[in-house]
């Protein structure tokens, strides 16, 4: 499939110091990025809500009645 010339040229290119250096730098860079990502993305504990401090309706606010209307304010037609 490949001629002997092409095989020897490909081997010389792959084993050249430039290609080996760039490959090594890329591998080190990927390891560094993964290390920093793991440090930054540590699982932090979820804060537990304090008793009596839940999300409650304000004393003066009226709660909407269930079934009092559509979100789109559409009227139903009676038959």
N, C-alpha and C. Protein backbone atom coordinates (compact mmCIF):
# COMPACT_ATOMS: atom_id res chain seq x y z
N UNK A 1 0.83 -1.18 0.00
CA UNK A 1 0.00 0.00 0.00
C UNK A 1 0.89 1.25 0.00
N UNK A 2 1.79 1.36 0.98
CA UNK A 2 2.72 2.48 1.03
C UNK A 2 4.05 2.05 0.41
N UNK A 3 4.69 2.97 -0.21
CA UNK A 3 6.02 2.64 -0.71
C UNK A 3 7.03 2.73 0.44
N UNK A 4 8.18 2.19 0.25
CA UNK A 4 9.21 2.21 1.30
C UNK A 4 9.66 3.63 1.62
N UNK A 5 9.66 4.48 0.61
CA UNK A 5 10.05 5.88 0.83
C UNK A 5 9.07 6.58 1.75
N UNK A 6 7.78 6.36 1.50
CA UNK A 6 6.75 7.01 2.30
C UNK A 6 6.79 6.51 3.74
N UNK A 7 7.03 5.22 3.93
CA UNK A 7 7.13 4.66 5.28
C UNK A 7 8.30 5.27 6.05
N UNK A 8 9.44 5.36 5.41
CA UNK A 8 10.60 5.92 6.11
C UNK A 8 10.39 7.40 6.41
N UNK A 9 9.74 8.13 5.50
CA UNK A 9 9.46 9.56 5.74
C UNK A 9 8.50 9.72 6.91
N UNK A 10 7.48 8.89 6.96
CA UNK A 10 6.51 8.96 8.05
C UNK A 10 7.16 8.65 9.39
N UNK A 11 8.03 7.68 9.44
CA UNK A 11 8.74 7.34 10.68
C UNK A 11 9.64 8.48 11.11
N UNK A 12 10.31 9.13 10.17
CA UNK A 12 11.17 10.26 10.51
C UNK A 12 10.37 11.43 11.07
N UNK A 13 9.19 11.68 10.46
CA UNK A 13 8.35 12.80 10.93
C UNK A 13 7.83 12.52 12.34
N UNK A 14 7.35 11.31 12.56
CA UNK A 14 6.78 10.98 13.88
C UNK A 14 7.84 11.01 14.97
N UNK A 15 9.05 10.60 14.65
CA UNK A 15 10.10 10.55 15.67
C UNK A 15 10.96 11.81 15.71
N UNK A 16 10.56 12.85 15.00
CA UNK A 16 11.33 14.10 15.07
C UNK A 16 11.15 14.76 16.43
N UNK A 17 12.13 15.54 16.84
CA UNK A 17 12.07 16.13 18.18
C UNK A 17 10.94 17.15 18.29
N UNK A 18 10.58 17.81 17.20
CA UNK A 18 9.50 18.80 17.25
C UNK A 18 8.15 18.13 17.56
N UNK A 19 7.88 17.03 16.86
CA UNK A 19 6.60 16.33 17.07
C UNK A 19 6.56 15.74 18.48
N UNK A 20 7.64 15.16 18.93
CA UNK A 20 7.68 14.58 20.27
C UNK A 20 7.53 15.65 21.35
N UNK A 21 8.14 16.81 21.16
CA UNK A 21 8.03 17.90 22.14
C UNK A 21 6.60 18.43 22.22
N UNK A 22 5.99 18.67 21.07
CA UNK A 22 4.62 19.19 21.06
C UNK A 22 3.66 18.17 21.68
N UNK A 23 3.86 16.90 21.38
CA UNK A 23 3.02 15.86 21.97
C UNK A 23 3.17 15.82 23.50
N UNK A 24 4.40 15.90 23.97
CA UNK A 24 4.63 15.91 25.42
C UNK A 24 4.00 17.12 26.10
N UNK A 25 4.12 18.29 25.47
CA UNK A 25 3.53 19.50 26.04
C UNK A 25 2.01 19.39 26.09
N UNK A 26 1.42 18.84 25.05
CA UNK A 26 -0.04 18.68 25.04
C UNK A 26 -0.51 17.72 26.13
N UNK A 27 0.23 16.64 26.33
CA UNK A 27 -0.15 15.69 27.38
C UNK A 27 -0.06 16.34 28.76
N UNK A 28 1.01 17.08 29.01
CA UNK A 28 1.16 17.78 30.30
C UNK A 28 0.04 18.81 30.47
N UNK A 29 -0.30 19.53 29.41
CA UNK A 29 -1.36 20.53 29.47
C UNK A 29 -2.70 19.89 29.80
N UNK A 30 -3.02 18.75 29.18
CA UNK A 30 -4.29 18.08 29.45
C UNK A 30 -4.34 17.60 30.90
N UNK A 31 -3.24 17.04 31.42
CA UNK A 31 -3.21 16.62 32.82
C UNK A 31 -3.38 17.82 33.76
N UNK A 32 -2.78 18.94 33.43
CA UNK A 32 -2.90 20.14 34.27
C UNK A 32 -4.34 20.66 34.28
N UNK A 33 -4.97 20.70 33.12
CA UNK A 33 -6.36 21.18 33.05
C UNK A 33 -7.28 20.25 33.83
N UNK A 34 -7.09 18.94 33.71
CA UNK A 34 -7.92 18.01 34.47
C UNK A 34 -7.70 18.15 35.97
N UNK A 35 -6.48 18.37 36.38
CA UNK A 35 -6.18 18.54 37.82
C UNK A 35 -6.87 19.79 38.37
N UNK A 36 -6.77 20.89 37.64
CA UNK A 36 -7.40 22.14 38.10
C UNK A 36 -8.92 22.00 38.10
N UNK A 37 -9.47 21.31 37.10
CA UNK A 37 -10.92 21.12 37.05
C UNK A 37 -11.39 20.29 38.23
N UNK A 38 -10.63 19.26 38.61
CA UNK A 38 -11.01 18.46 39.77
C UNK A 38 -10.93 19.27 41.06
N UNK A 39 -9.92 20.14 41.18
CA UNK A 39 -9.82 20.97 42.38
C UNK A 39 -10.98 21.95 42.46
N UNK A 40 -11.36 22.52 41.34
CA UNK A 40 -12.41 23.54 41.32
C UNK A 40 -13.78 22.92 41.52
N UNK A 41 -13.99 21.70 41.04
CA UNK A 41 -15.32 21.10 41.03
C UNK A 41 -15.47 20.06 42.13
N UNK A 42 -15.04 20.37 43.31
CA UNK A 42 -15.25 19.45 44.42
C UNK A 42 -16.68 19.55 44.89
N UNK A 43 -17.22 18.44 45.34
CA UNK A 43 -18.59 18.43 45.84
C UNK A 43 -18.63 19.16 47.17
N UNK A 44 -19.42 20.20 47.20
CA UNK A 44 -19.58 20.97 48.43
C UNK A 44 -20.84 20.47 49.13
N UNK A 45 -20.82 20.42 50.46
CA UNK A 45 -22.01 19.95 51.16
C UNK A 45 -23.18 20.92 50.96
N UNK A 46 -24.36 20.35 50.82
CA UNK A 46 -25.56 21.17 50.64
C UNK A 46 -25.96 21.72 52.00
N UNK A 47 -26.11 23.05 52.10
CA UNK A 47 -26.49 23.62 53.41
C UNK A 47 -27.93 23.21 53.77
N UNK A 48 -28.10 22.75 54.98
CA UNK A 48 -29.42 22.35 55.44
C UNK A 48 -30.18 23.59 55.91
N UNK A 49 -31.47 23.71 55.57
CA UNK A 49 -32.24 24.87 56.03
C UNK A 49 -32.42 24.82 57.54
N UNK A 50 -32.38 25.99 58.13
CA UNK A 50 -32.54 26.08 59.57
C UNK A 50 -34.02 25.92 59.93
N UNK A 51 -34.32 25.28 61.06
CA UNK A 51 -35.72 25.11 61.46
C UNK A 51 -36.39 26.47 61.67
N UNK A 52 -37.59 26.61 61.17
CA UNK A 52 -38.34 27.84 61.35
C UNK A 52 -37.96 28.93 60.35
N UNK A 53 -37.03 28.66 59.46
CA UNK A 53 -36.61 29.66 58.50
C UNK A 53 -36.99 29.24 57.07
N UNK A 54 -38.01 28.41 56.93
CA UNK A 54 -38.42 27.92 55.62
C UNK A 54 -39.07 29.02 54.79
N UNK A 55 -39.37 28.69 53.56
CA UNK A 55 -40.03 29.67 52.69
C UNK A 55 -41.52 29.64 52.98
N UNK A 56 -41.97 30.58 53.74
CA UNK A 56 -43.38 30.66 54.10
C UNK A 56 -43.96 31.93 53.49
N UNK A 57 -45.25 31.91 53.27
CA UNK A 57 -45.93 33.09 52.73
C UNK A 57 -45.95 34.19 53.79
N UNK A 58 -45.87 35.41 53.32
CA UNK A 58 -45.92 36.54 54.25
C UNK A 58 -47.31 36.58 54.89
N UNK A 59 -47.41 37.08 56.14
CA UNK A 59 -48.71 37.06 56.83
C UNK A 59 -49.77 37.89 56.11
N UNK A 60 -49.42 38.95 55.44
CA UNK A 60 -50.41 39.80 54.78
C UNK A 60 -50.70 39.39 53.35
N UNK A 61 -49.95 38.48 52.80
CA UNK A 61 -50.14 38.09 51.41
C UNK A 61 -51.23 37.03 51.30
N UNK A 62 -52.11 37.21 50.33
CA UNK A 62 -53.20 36.26 50.12
C UNK A 62 -52.75 35.20 49.13
N UNK A 63 -53.02 33.96 49.45
CA UNK A 63 -52.65 32.87 48.55
C UNK A 63 -53.69 32.76 47.44
N UNK A 64 -53.30 32.51 46.22
CA UNK A 64 -54.28 32.38 45.14
C UNK A 64 -55.11 31.12 45.33
N UNK A 65 -56.40 31.23 44.96
CA UNK A 65 -57.30 30.08 45.11
C UNK A 65 -56.97 29.05 44.04
N UNK A 66 -56.99 27.79 44.41
CA UNK A 66 -56.72 26.77 43.40
C UNK A 66 -57.85 26.73 42.37
N UNK A 67 -57.49 26.67 41.11
CA UNK A 67 -58.48 26.60 40.04
C UNK A 67 -59.15 27.93 39.78
N UNK A 68 -58.58 29.04 40.24
CA UNK A 68 -59.21 30.33 40.07
C UNK A 68 -59.01 30.88 38.66
N UNK A 69 -58.12 30.31 37.87
CA UNK A 69 -57.95 30.82 36.51
C UNK A 69 -56.82 30.11 35.81
N UNK A 70 -56.80 30.27 34.51
CA UNK A 70 -55.74 29.71 33.70
C UNK A 70 -54.55 30.63 33.70
N UNK A 71 -53.40 30.09 33.38
CA UNK A 71 -52.22 30.94 33.25
C UNK A 71 -52.36 31.86 32.05
N UNK A 72 -53.08 31.39 31.04
CA UNK A 72 -53.21 32.17 29.81
C UNK A 72 -54.44 33.07 29.83
N UNK A 73 -55.17 33.08 30.94
CA UNK A 73 -56.36 33.91 31.10
C UNK A 73 -57.41 33.56 30.04
N UNK A 74 -57.57 32.29 29.75
CA UNK A 74 -58.55 31.85 28.78
C UNK A 74 -59.85 31.53 29.49
N UNK A 75 -60.98 31.86 28.85
CA UNK A 75 -62.29 31.59 29.43
C UNK A 75 -62.83 30.31 28.84
N UNK A 76 -63.53 29.55 29.64
CA UNK A 76 -64.13 28.32 29.15
C UNK A 76 -65.53 28.63 28.63
N UNK A 77 -65.90 28.02 27.52
CA UNK A 77 -67.22 28.23 26.94
C UNK A 77 -68.15 27.14 27.43
N UNK A 78 -69.28 27.54 27.97
CA UNK A 78 -70.27 26.57 28.45
C UNK A 78 -71.14 26.08 27.32
N UNK A 79 -71.66 24.85 27.44
CA UNK A 79 -72.49 24.30 26.37
C UNK A 79 -73.94 24.42 26.72
